[in-house]
């Protein structure tokens, strides 16, 4: 499972995920009063943007973040991004340059 922008999730969602990431790996569904146990091979991947400069994002607690392996990904340099778009995506140089300029 991939959770995009995890630090935008409401507190209730983070609390439920916390239990799922616990040793018992269970998720309690309040509405149905059922508890679901995660499959042994179940994994969660999550993304988030930094809290500085991005509206509405909150800092996740250290205890919650410790349940993940954190990997920080820096911005791709403009020249590399242009090369990726041309060589890997097959875009013409002019269109790739326009896309990179728009992104910047």
PDB file of N, CA and C in Angstrom:
ATOM      1  N   UNK A   1       0.843  -1.158   0.000  1.00  0.00           N
ATOM      2  CA  UNK A   1       0.000   0.000   0.000  1.00  0.00           C
ATOM      3  C   UNK A   1       0.895   1.230   0.000  1.00  0.00           C
ATOM      4  N   UNK A   2       0.531   2.234  -0.793  1.00  0.00           N
ATOM      5  CA  UNK A   2       1.261   3.493  -0.833  1.00  0.00           C
ATOM      6  C   UNK A   2       0.332   4.592  -0.352  1.00  0.00           C
ATOM      7  N   UNK A   3       0.773   5.332   0.643  1.00  0.00           N
ATOM      8  CA  UNK A   3       0.018   6.470   1.167  1.00  0.00           C
ATOM      9  C   UNK A   3       0.757   7.738   0.751  1.00  0.00           C
ATOM     10  N   UNK A   4       0.122   8.536  -0.094  1.00  0.00           N
ATOM     11  CA  UNK A   4       0.734   9.761  -0.588  1.00  0.00           C
ATOM     12  C   UNK A   4       0.383  10.919   0.340  1.00  0.00           C
ATOM     13  N   UNK A   5       1.346  11.779   0.616  1.00  0.00           N
ATOM     14  CA  UNK A   5       1.155  12.963   1.470  1.00  0.00           C
ATOM     15  C   UNK A   5       0.619  12.579   2.844  1.00  0.00           C
ATOM     16  N   UNK A   6       1.283  11.658   3.494  1.00  0.00           N
ATOM     17  CA  UNK A   6       0.843  11.147   4.792  1.00  0.00           C
ATOM     18  C   UNK A   6       0.658  12.251   5.824  1.00  0.00           C
ATOM     19  N   UNK A   7       1.495  13.288   5.779  1.00  0.00           N
ATOM     20  CA  UNK A   7       1.370  14.341   6.783  1.00  0.00           C
ATOM     21  C   UNK A   7       0.225  15.315   6.510  1.00  0.00           C
ATOM     22  N   UNK A   8      -0.612  15.005   5.536  1.00  0.00           N
ATOM     23  CA  UNK A   8      -1.871  15.731   5.339  1.00  0.00           C
ATOM     24  C   UNK A   8      -3.062  14.955   5.908  1.00  0.00           C
ATOM     25  N   UNK A   9      -2.818  13.733   6.346  1.00  0.00           N
ATOM     26  CA  UNK A   9      -3.899  12.873   6.842  1.00  0.00           C
ATOM     27  C   UNK A   9      -4.445  13.405   8.166  1.00  0.00           C
ATOM     28  N   UNK A  10      -5.767  13.253   8.367  1.00  0.00           N
ATOM     29  CA  UNK A  10      -6.360  13.653   9.647  1.00  0.00           C
ATOM     30  C   UNK A  10      -5.806  12.808  10.795  1.00  0.00           C
ATOM     31  N   UNK A  11      -5.832  13.347  11.983  1.00  0.00           N
ATOM     32  CA  UNK A  11      -5.305  12.668  13.172  1.00  0.00           C
ATOM     33  C   UNK A  11      -5.943  11.297  13.372  1.00  0.00           C
ATOM     34  N   UNK A  12      -7.251  11.178  13.084  1.00  0.00           N
ATOM     35  CA  UNK A  12      -7.943   9.897  13.269  1.00  0.00           C
ATOM     36  C   UNK A  12      -7.342   8.818  12.376  1.00  0.00           C
ATOM     37  N   UNK A  13      -6.971   9.189  11.162  1.00  0.00           N
ATOM     38  CA  UNK A  13      -6.369   8.234  10.220  1.00  0.00           C
ATOM     39  C   UNK A  13      -4.990   7.815  10.727  1.00  0.00           C
ATOM     40  N   UNK A  14      -4.219   8.787  11.206  1.00  0.00           N
ATOM     41  CA  UNK A  14      -2.881   8.469  11.725  1.00  0.00           C
ATOM     42  C   UNK A  14      -2.964   7.560  12.941  1.00  0.00           C
ATOM     43  N   UNK A  15      -3.958   7.775  13.791  1.00  0.00           N
ATOM     44  CA  UNK A  15      -4.136   6.919  14.966  1.00  0.00           C
ATOM     45  C   UNK A  15      -4.468   5.485  14.558  1.00  0.00           C
ATOM     46  N   UNK A  16      -5.334   5.338  13.554  1.00  0.00           N
ATOM     47  CA  UNK A  16      -5.676   3.997  13.070  1.00  0.00           C
ATOM     48  C   UNK A  16      -4.455   3.324  12.445  1.00  0.00           C
ATOM     49  N   UNK A  17      -3.687   4.071  11.683  1.00  0.00           N
ATOM     50  CA  UNK A  17      -2.478   3.521  11.067  1.00  0.00           C
ATOM     51  C   UNK A  17      -1.455   3.120  12.125  1.00  0.00           C
ATOM     52  N   UNK A  18      -1.401   3.885  13.186  1.00  0.00           N
ATOM     53  CA  UNK A  18      -0.456   3.584  14.256  1.00  0.00           C
ATOM     54  C   UNK A  18      -0.696   2.184  14.804  1.00  0.00           C
ATOM     55  N   UNK A  19      -1.939   1.825  14.975  1.00  0.00           N
ATOM     56  CA  UNK A  19      -2.274   0.484  15.476  1.00  0.00           C
ATOM     57  C   UNK A  19      -1.916  -0.577  14.428  1.00  0.00           C
ATOM     58  N   UNK A  20      -2.160  -0.264  13.168  1.00  0.00           N
ATOM     59  CA  UNK A  20      -1.834  -1.202  12.096  1.00  0.00           C
ATOM     60  C   UNK A  20      -0.320  -1.440  12.026  1.00  0.00           C
ATOM     61  N   UNK A  21       0.455  -0.419  12.346  1.00  0.00           N
ATOM     62  CA  UNK A  21       1.913  -0.523  12.295  1.00  0.00           C
ATOM     63  C   UNK A  21       2.502  -1.086  13.584  1.00  0.00           C
ATOM     64  N   UNK A  22       1.658  -1.297  14.582  1.00  0.00           N
ATOM     65  CA  UNK A  22       2.082  -1.871  15.857  1.00  0.00           C
ATOM     66  C   UNK A  22       2.427  -3.345  15.678  1.00  0.00           C
ATOM     67  N   UNK A  23       2.977  -3.954  16.697  1.00  0.00           N
ATOM     68  CA  UNK A  23       3.350  -5.369  16.628  1.00  0.00           C
ATOM     69  C   UNK A  23       2.164  -6.283  16.332  1.00  0.00           C
ATOM     70  N   UNK A  24       0.960  -5.917  16.808  1.00  0.00           N
ATOM     71  CA  UNK A  24      -0.203  -6.785  16.571  1.00  0.00           C
ATOM     72  C   UNK A  24      -0.751  -6.659  15.148  1.00  0.00           C
ATOM     73  N   UNK A  25      -0.377  -5.580  14.436  1.00  0.00           N
ATOM     74  CA  UNK A  25      -0.737  -5.370  13.017  1.00  0.00           C
ATOM     75  C   UNK A  25      -2.239  -5.533  12.775  1.00  0.00           C
ATOM     76  N   UNK A  26      -3.031  -4.862  13.584  1.00  0.00           N
ATOM     77  CA  UNK A  26      -4.483  -4.921  13.444  1.00  0.00           C
ATOM     78  C   UNK A  26      -5.042  -3.537  13.182  1.00  0.00           C
ATOM     79  N   UNK A  27      -6.164  -3.518  12.486  1.00  0.00           N
ATOM     80  CA  UNK A  27      -6.881  -2.278  12.218  1.00  0.00           C
ATOM     81  C   UNK A  27      -8.304  -2.452  12.711  1.00  0.00           C
ATOM     82  N   UNK A  28      -8.699  -1.609  13.652  1.00  0.00           N
ATOM     83  CA  UNK A  28     -10.065  -1.682  14.186  1.00  0.00           C
ATOM     84  C   UNK A  28     -10.941  -0.705  13.410  1.00  0.00           C
ATOM     85  N   UNK A  29     -12.049  -1.212  12.867  1.00  0.00           N
ATOM     86  CA  UNK A  29     -12.993  -0.387  12.112  1.00  0.00           C
ATOM     87  C   UNK A  29     -14.160  -0.073  13.041  1.00  0.00           C
ATOM     88  N   UNK A  30     -14.198   1.160  13.516  1.00  0.00           N
ATOM     89  CA  UNK A  30     -15.169   1.576  14.524  1.00  0.00           C
ATOM     90  C   UNK A  30     -16.608   1.433  14.029  1.00  0.00           C
ATOM     91  N   UNK A  31     -16.839   1.796  12.784  1.00  0.00           N
ATOM     92  CA  UNK A  31     -18.202   1.775  12.244  1.00  0.00           C
ATOM     93  C   UNK A  31     -18.828   0.383  12.269  1.00  0.00           C
ATOM     94  N   UNK A  32     -18.002  -0.624  12.048  1.00  0.00           N
ATOM     95  CA  UNK A  32     -18.528  -2.002  12.007  1.00  0.00           C
ATOM     96  C   UNK A  32     -18.147  -2.810  13.242  1.00  0.00           C
ATOM     97  N   UNK A  33     -17.333  -2.215  14.104  1.00  0.00           N
ATOM     98  CA  UNK A  33     -16.832  -2.897  15.301  1.00  0.00           C
ATOM     99  C   UNK A  33     -16.071  -4.180  14.965  1.00  0.00           C
ATOM    100  N   UNK A  34     -15.400  -4.175  13.808  1.00  0.00           N
ATOM    101  CA  UNK A  34     -14.610  -5.334  13.396  1.00  0.00           C
ATOM    102  C   UNK A  34     -13.132  -4.990  13.454  1.00  0.00           C
ATOM    103  N   UNK A  35     -12.332  -5.991  13.718  1.00  0.00           N
ATOM    104  CA  UNK A  35     -10.883  -5.848  13.716  1.00  0.00           C
ATOM    105  C   UNK A  35     -10.323  -6.710  12.598  1.00  0.00           C
ATOM    106  N   UNK A  36      -9.500  -6.101  11.761  1.00  0.00           N
ATOM    107  CA  UNK A  36      -8.905  -6.778  10.614  1.00  0.00           C
ATOM    108  C   UNK A  36      -7.413  -6.938  10.887  1.00  0.00           C
ATOM    109  N   UNK A  37      -6.914  -8.148  10.702  1.00  0.00           N
ATOM    110  CA  UNK A  37      -5.491  -8.431  10.905  1.00  0.00           C
ATOM    111  C   UNK A  37      -4.778  -8.339   9.548  1.00  0.00           C
ATOM    112  N   UNK A  38      -3.636  -7.670   9.529  1.00  0.00           N
ATOM    113  CA  UNK A  38      -2.874  -7.510   8.288  1.00  0.00           C
ATOM    114  C   UNK A  38      -2.242  -8.838   7.866  1.00  0.00           C
ATOM    115  N   UNK A  39      -2.170  -9.048   6.572  1.00  0.00           N
ATOM    116  CA  UNK A  39      -1.491 -10.205   6.009  1.00  0.00           C
ATOM    117  C   UNK A  39      -0.012 -10.131   6.396  1.00  0.00           C
ATOM    118  N   UNK A  40       0.653 -11.259   6.606  1.00  0.00           N
ATOM    119  CA  UNK A  40       2.077 -11.236   6.995  1.00  0.00           C
ATOM    120  C   UNK A  40       2.977 -10.489   6.013  1.00  0.00           C
ATOM    121  N   UNK A  41       2.606 -10.461   4.734  1.00  0.00           N
ATOM    122  CA  UNK A  41       3.419  -9.768   3.725  1.00  0.00           C
ATOM    123  C   UNK A  41       2.988  -8.326   3.486  1.00  0.00           C
ATOM    124  N   UNK A  42       2.026  -7.845   4.260  1.00  0.00           N
ATOM    125  CA  UNK A  42       1.518  -6.488   4.082  1.00  0.00           C
ATOM    126  C   UNK A  42       2.601  -5.464   4.428  1.00  0.00           C
ATOM    127  N   UNK A  43       2.787  -4.479   3.555  1.00  0.00           N
ATOM    128  CA  UNK A  43       3.746  -3.402   3.781  1.00  0.00           C
ATOM    129  C   UNK A  43       3.085  -2.072   3.438  1.00  0.00           C
ATOM    130  N   UNK A  44       3.525  -1.031   4.113  1.00  0.00           N
ATOM    131  CA  UNK A  44       3.037   0.323   3.832  1.00  0.00           C
ATOM    132  C   UNK A  44       4.227   1.186   3.436  1.00  0.00           C
ATOM    133  N   UNK A  45       4.070   1.906   2.345  1.00  0.00           N
ATOM    134  CA  UNK A  45       5.022   2.912   1.913  1.00  0.00           C
ATOM    135  C   UNK A  45       4.279   4.239   1.965  1.00  0.00           C
ATOM    136  N   UNK A  46       4.960   5.281   2.388  1.00  0.00           N
ATOM    137  CA  UNK A  46       4.306   6.577   2.508  1.00  0.00           C
ATOM    138  C   UNK A  46       5.217   7.674   1.982  1.00  0.00           C
ATOM    139  N   UNK A  47       4.602   8.730   1.468  1.00  0.00           N
ATOM    140  CA  UNK A  47       5.346   9.900   1.023  1.00  0.00           C
ATOM    141  C   UNK A  47       4.843  11.112   1.788  1.00  0.00           C
ATOM    142  N   UNK A  48       5.680  12.117   1.849  1.00  0.00           N
ATOM    143  CA  UNK A  48       5.242  13.394   2.401  1.00  0.00           C
ATOM    144  C   UNK A  48       6.184  14.478   1.925  1.00  0.00           C
ATOM    145  N   UNK A  49       5.682  15.691   1.850  1.00  0.00           N
ATOM    146  CA  UNK A  49       6.515  16.848   1.567  1.00  0.00           C
ATOM    147  C   UNK A  49       6.928  17.460   2.891  1.00  0.00           C
ATOM    148  N   UNK A  50       8.004  18.247   2.895  1.00  0.00           N
ATOM    149  CA  UNK A  50       8.411  18.905   4.138  1.00  0.00           C
ATOM    150  C   UNK A  50       7.297  19.817   4.664  1.00  0.00           C
ATOM    151  N   UNK A  51       7.295  20.036   5.962  1.00  0.00           N
ATOM    152  CA  UNK A  51       6.272  20.902   6.557  1.00  0.00           C
ATOM    153  C   UNK A  51       6.566  22.368   6.273  1.00  0.00           C
ATOM    154  N   UNK A  52       7.825  22.718   6.086  1.00  0.00           N
ATOM    155  CA  UNK A  52       8.176  24.114   5.810  1.00  0.00           C
ATOM    156  C   UNK A  52       7.847  24.462   4.368  1.00  0.00           C
ATOM    157  N   UNK A  53       7.070  25.506   4.178  1.00  0.00           N
ATOM    158  CA  UNK A  53       6.785  25.992   2.835  1.00  0.00           C
ATOM    159  C   UNK A  53       5.672  25.273   2.112  1.00  0.00           C
ATOM    160  N   UNK A  54       5.058  24.280   2.735  1.00  0.00           N
ATOM    161  CA  UNK A  54       3.959  23.554   2.112  1.00  0.00           C
ATOM    162  C   UNK A  54       2.756  23.662   3.040  1.00  0.00           C
ATOM    163  N   UNK A  55       1.723  24.338   2.596  1.00  0.00           N
ATOM    164  CA  UNK A  55       0.560  24.596   3.444  1.00  0.00           C
ATOM    165  C   UNK A  55      -0.178  23.343   3.880  1.00  0.00           C
ATOM    166  N   UNK A  56      -0.606  23.353   5.149  1.00  0.00           N
ATOM    167  CA  UNK A  56      -1.467  22.305   5.668  1.00  0.00           C
ATOM    168  C   UNK A  56      -0.765  21.040   6.126  1.00  0.00           C
ATOM    169  N   UNK A  57       0.540  20.959   5.924  1.00  0.00           N
ATOM    170  CA  UNK A  57       1.256  19.746   6.336  1.00  0.00           C
ATOM    171  C   UNK A  57       1.694  19.876   7.786  1.00  0.00           C
ATOM    172  N   UNK A  58       1.512  18.795   8.535  1.00  0.00           N
ATOM    173  CA  UNK A  58       1.902  18.815   9.944  1.00  0.00           C
ATOM    174  C   UNK A  58       3.092  17.898  10.164  1.00  0.00           C
ATOM    175  N   UNK A  59       3.846  18.197  11.191  1.00  0.00           N
ATOM    176  CA  UNK A  59       4.986  17.356  11.558  1.00  0.00           C
ATOM    177  C   UNK A  59       4.453  16.101  12.239  1.00  0.00           C
ATOM    178  N   UNK A  60       4.859  14.952  11.761  1.00  0.00           N
ATOM    179  CA  UNK A  60       4.446  13.691  12.372  1.00  0.00           C
ATOM    180  C   UNK A  60       5.284  13.463  13.635  1.00  0.00           C
ATOM    181  N   UNK A  61       4.711  12.783  14.597  1.00  0.00           N
ATOM    182  CA  UNK A  61       5.427  12.522  15.846  1.00  0.00           C
ATOM    183  C   UNK A  61       6.637  11.629  15.574  1.00  0.00           C
ATOM    184  N   UNK A  62       7.647  11.755  16.430  1.00  0.00           N
ATOM    185  CA  UNK A  62       8.839  10.925  16.293  1.00  0.00           C
ATOM    186  C   UNK A  62       8.493   9.444  16.443  1.00  0.00           C
ATOM    187  N   UNK A  63       7.585   9.135  17.369  1.00  0.00           N
ATOM    188  CA  UNK A  63       7.169   7.737  17.584  1.00  0.00           C
ATOM    189  C   UNK A  63       6.546   7.160  16.318  1.00  0.00           C
ATOM    190  N   UNK A  64       5.728   7.960  15.627  1.00  0.00           N
ATOM    191  CA  UNK A  64       5.088   7.494  14.399  1.00  0.00           C
ATOM    192  C   UNK A  64       6.126   7.358  13.286  1.00  0.00           C
ATOM    193  N   UNK A  65       6.992   8.348  13.142  1.00  0.00           N
ATOM    194  CA  UNK A  65       8.013   8.303  12.088  1.00  0.00           C
ATOM    195  C   UNK A  65       8.971   7.132  12.291  1.00  0.00           C
ATOM    196  N   UNK A  66       9.195   6.736  13.535  1.00  0.00           N
ATOM    197  CA  UNK A  66      10.103   5.624  13.819  1.00  0.00           C
ATOM    198  C   UNK A  66       9.571   4.285  13.316  1.00  0.00           C
ATOM    199  N   UNK A  67       8.344   4.238  12.917  1.00  0.00           N
ATOM    200  CA  UNK A  67       7.757   3.008  12.371  1.00  0.00           C
ATOM    201  C   UNK A  67       8.107   2.829  10.889  1.00  0.00           C
ATOM    202  N   UNK A  68       8.772   3.825  10.327  1.00  0.00           N
ATOM    203  CA  UNK A  68       9.142   3.819   8.912  1.00  0.00           C
ATOM    204  C   UNK A  68      10.661   3.929   8.782  1.00  0.00           C
ATOM    205  N   UNK A  69      11.167   3.540   7.626  1.00  0.00           N
ATOM    206  CA  UNK A  69      12.542   3.849   7.251  1.00  0.00           C
ATOM    207  C   UNK A  69      12.457   5.132   6.443  1.00  0.00           C
ATOM    208  N   UNK A  70      13.076   6.190   6.933  1.00  0.00           N
ATOM    209  CA  UNK A  70      12.975   7.493   6.275  1.00  0.00           C
ATOM    210  C   UNK A  70      14.057   7.651   5.216  1.00  0.00           C
ATOM    211  N   UNK A  71      13.631   8.041   4.024  1.00  0.00           N
ATOM    212  CA  UNK A  71      14.552   8.305   2.914  1.00  0.00           C
ATOM    213  C   UNK A  71      14.217   9.686   2.381  1.00  0.00           C
ATOM    214  N   UNK A  72      15.170  10.597   2.454  1.00  0.00           N
ATOM    215  CA  UNK A  72      14.957  11.947   1.951  1.00  0.00           C
ATOM    216  C   UNK A  72      15.412  12.001   0.496  1.00  0.00           C
ATOM    217  N   UNK A  73      14.546  12.495  -0.365  1.00  0.00           N
ATOM    218  CA  UNK A  73      14.847  12.601  -1.792  1.00  0.00           C
ATOM    219  C   UNK A  73      14.951  14.078  -2.144  1.00  0.00           C
ATOM    220  N   UNK A  74      16.115  14.472  -2.598  1.00  0.00           N
ATOM    221  CA  UNK A  74      16.330  15.868  -2.980  1.00  0.00           C
ATOM    222  C   UNK A  74      15.771  16.119  -4.380  1.00  0.00           C
ATOM    223  N   UNK A  75      15.674  17.399  -4.718  1.00  0.00           N
ATOM    224  CA  UNK A  75      15.222  17.758  -6.063  1.00  0.00           C
ATOM    225  C   UNK A  75      16.205  17.210  -7.100  1.00  0.00           C
ATOM    226  N   UNK A  76      15.665  16.809  -8.235  1.00  0.00           N
ATOM    227  CA  UNK A  76      16.502  16.340  -9.343  1.00  0.00           C
ATOM    228  C   UNK A  76      17.038  17.582 -10.051  1.00  0.00           C
ATOM    229  N   UNK A  77      18.356  17.659 -10.267  1.00  0.00           N
ATOM    230  CA  UNK A  77      18.909  18.817 -10.986  1.00  0.00           C
ATOM    231  C   UNK A  77      18.251  18.966 -12.361  1.00  0.00           C
ATOM    232  N   UNK A  78      18.096  20.197 -12.784  1.00  0.00           N
ATOM    233  CA  UNK A  78      17.394  20.513 -14.032  1.00  0.00           C
ATOM    234  C   UNK A  78      17.957  19.748 -15.227  1.00  0.00           C
ATOM    235  N   UNK A  79      19.283  19.675 -15.316  1.00  0.00           N
ATOM    236  CA  UNK A  79      19.906  18.998 -16.462  1.00  0.00           C
ATOM    237  C   UNK A  79      19.560  17.512 -16.464  1.00  0.00           C
ATOM    238  N   UNK A  80      19.559  16.896 -15.286  1.00  0.00           N
ATOM    239  CA  UNK A  80      19.223  15.473 -15.190  1.00  0.00           C
ATOM    240  C   UNK A  80      17.754  15.233 -15.526  1.00  0.00           C
ATOM    241  N   UNK A  81      16.896  16.111 -15.047  1.00  0.00           N
ATOM    242  CA  UNK A  81      15.468  15.971 -15.332  1.00  0.00           C
ATOM    243  C   UNK A  81      15.221  16.077 -16.836  1.00  0.00           C
ATOM    244  N   UNK A  82      15.877  17.000 -17.473  1.00  0.00           N
ATOM    245  CA  UNK A  82      15.755  17.163 -18.921  1.00  0.00           C
ATOM    246  C   UNK A  82      16.224  15.906 -19.649  1.00  0.00           C
ATOM    247  N   UNK A  83      17.340  15.347 -19.189  1.00  0.00           N
ATOM    248  CA  UNK A  83      17.872  14.122 -19.795  1.00  0.00           C
ATOM    249  C   UNK A  83      16.911  12.946 -19.614  1.00  0.00           C
ATOM    250  N   UNK A  84      16.318  12.834 -18.440  1.00  0.00           N
ATOM    251  CA  UNK A  84      15.346  11.760 -18.175  1.00  0.00           C
ATOM    252  C   UNK A  84      14.159  11.876 -19.110  1.00  0.00           C
ATOM    253  N   UNK A  85      13.642  13.085 -19.256  1.00  0.00           N
ATOM    254  CA  UNK A  85      12.470  13.287 -20.116  1.00  0.00           C
ATOM    255  C   UNK A  85      12.770  12.965 -21.575  1.00  0.00           C
ATOM    256  N   UNK A  86      13.957  13.303 -22.017  1.00  0.00           N
ATOM    257  CA  UNK A  86      14.323  13.057 -23.422  1.00  0.00           C
ATOM    258  C   UNK A  86      14.672  11.590 -23.649  1.00  0.00           C
ATOM    259  N   UNK A  87      15.577  11.042 -22.832  1.00  0.00           N
ATOM    260  CA  UNK A  87      16.092   9.697 -23.091  1.00  0.00           C
ATOM    261  C   UNK A  87      15.172   8.580 -22.604  1.00  0.00           C
ATOM    262  N   UNK A  88      14.570   8.747 -21.459  1.00  0.00           N
ATOM    263  CA  UNK A  88      13.738   7.676 -20.894  1.00  0.00           C
ATOM    264  C   UNK A  88      12.274   7.778 -21.314  1.00  0.00           C
ATOM    265  N   UNK A  89      11.799   9.012 -21.471  1.00  0.00           N
ATOM    266  CA  UNK A  89      10.379   9.195 -21.819  1.00  0.00           C
ATOM    267  C   UNK A  89      10.172   9.433 -23.312  1.00  0.00           C
ATOM    268  N   UNK A  90      11.264   9.655 -24.040  1.00  0.00           N
ATOM    269  CA  UNK A  90      11.164   9.823 -25.490  1.00  0.00           C
ATOM    270  C   UNK A  90      10.565  11.147 -25.940  1.00  0.00           C
ATOM    271  N   UNK A  91      10.613  12.156 -25.074  1.00  0.00           N
ATOM    272  CA  UNK A  91      10.067  13.464 -25.457  1.00  0.00           C
ATOM    273  C   UNK A  91      11.066  14.233 -26.320  1.00  0.00           C
ATOM    274  N   UNK A  92      10.562  15.032 -27.237  1.00  0.00           N
ATOM    275  CA  UNK A  92      11.468  15.904 -27.990  1.00  0.00           C
ATOM    276  C   UNK A  92      12.127  16.907 -27.027  1.00  0.00           C
ATOM    277  N   UNK A  93      13.346  17.301 -27.329  1.00  0.00           N
ATOM    278  CA  UNK A  93      14.103  18.221 -26.479  1.00  0.00           C
ATOM    279  C   UNK A  93      13.305  19.501 -26.198  1.00  0.00           C
ATOM    280  N   UNK A  94      12.640  20.038 -27.214  1.00  0.00           N
ATOM    281  CA  UNK A  94      11.903  21.303 -27.046  1.00  0.00           C
ATOM    282  C   UNK A  94      10.742  21.152 -26.059  1.00  0.00           C
ATOM    283  N   UNK A  95      10.012  20.044 -26.147  1.00  0.00           N
ATOM    284  CA  UNK A  95       8.884  19.816 -25.231  1.00  0.00           C
ATOM    285  C   UNK A  95       9.387  19.551 -23.809  1.00  0.00           C
ATOM    286  N   UNK A  96      10.456  18.772 -23.694  1.00  0.00           N
ATOM    287  CA  UNK A  96      11.030  18.488 -22.377  1.00  0.00           C
ATOM    288  C   UNK A  96      11.508  19.782 -21.719  1.00  0.00           C
ATOM    289  N   UNK A  97      12.162  20.643 -22.493  1.00  0.00           N
ATOM    290  CA  UNK A  97      12.655  21.916 -21.965  1.00  0.00           C
ATOM    291  C   UNK A  97      11.485  22.785 -21.485  1.00  0.00           C
ATOM    292  N   UNK A  98      10.406  22.781 -22.218  1.00  0.00           N
ATOM    293  CA  UNK A  98       9.210  23.545 -21.832  1.00  0.00           C
ATOM    294  C   UNK A  98       8.606  23.006 -20.538  1.00  0.00           C
ATOM    295  N   UNK A  99       8.564  21.694 -20.412  1.00  0.00           N
ATOM    296  CA  UNK A  99       8.020  21.070 -19.200  1.00  0.00           C
ATOM    297  C   UNK A  99       8.875  21.424 -17.981  1.00  0.00           C
ATOM    298  N   UNK A 100      10.192  21.355 -18.145  1.00  0.00           N
ATOM    299  CA  UNK A 100      11.100  21.687 -17.036  1.00  0.00           C
ATOM    300  C   UNK A 100      10.963  23.169 -16.665  1.00  0.00           C
ATOM    301  N   UNK A 101      10.864  24.012 -17.666  1.00  0.00           N
ATOM    302  CA  UNK A 101      10.704  25.458 -17.407  1.00  0.00           C
ATOM    303  C   UNK A 101       9.405  25.731 -16.667  1.00  0.00           C
ATOM    304  N   UNK A 102       8.337  25.040 -17.056  1.00  0.00           N
ATOM    305  CA  UNK A 102       7.036  25.212 -16.384  1.00  0.00           C
ATOM    306  C   UNK A 102       7.120  24.742 -14.945  1.00  0.00           C
ATOM    307  N   UNK A 103       7.799  23.632 -14.706  1.00  0.00           N
ATOM    308  CA  UNK A 103       7.939  23.106 -13.354  1.00  0.00           C
ATOM    309  C   UNK A 103       8.706  24.086 -12.456  1.00  0.00           C
ATOM    310  N   UNK A 104       9.748  24.691 -13.021  1.00  0.00           N
ATOM    311  CA  UNK A 104      10.563  25.614 -12.220  1.00  0.00           C
ATOM    312  C   UNK A 104       9.786  26.868 -11.896  1.00  0.00           C
TER     313      UNK A 104
END
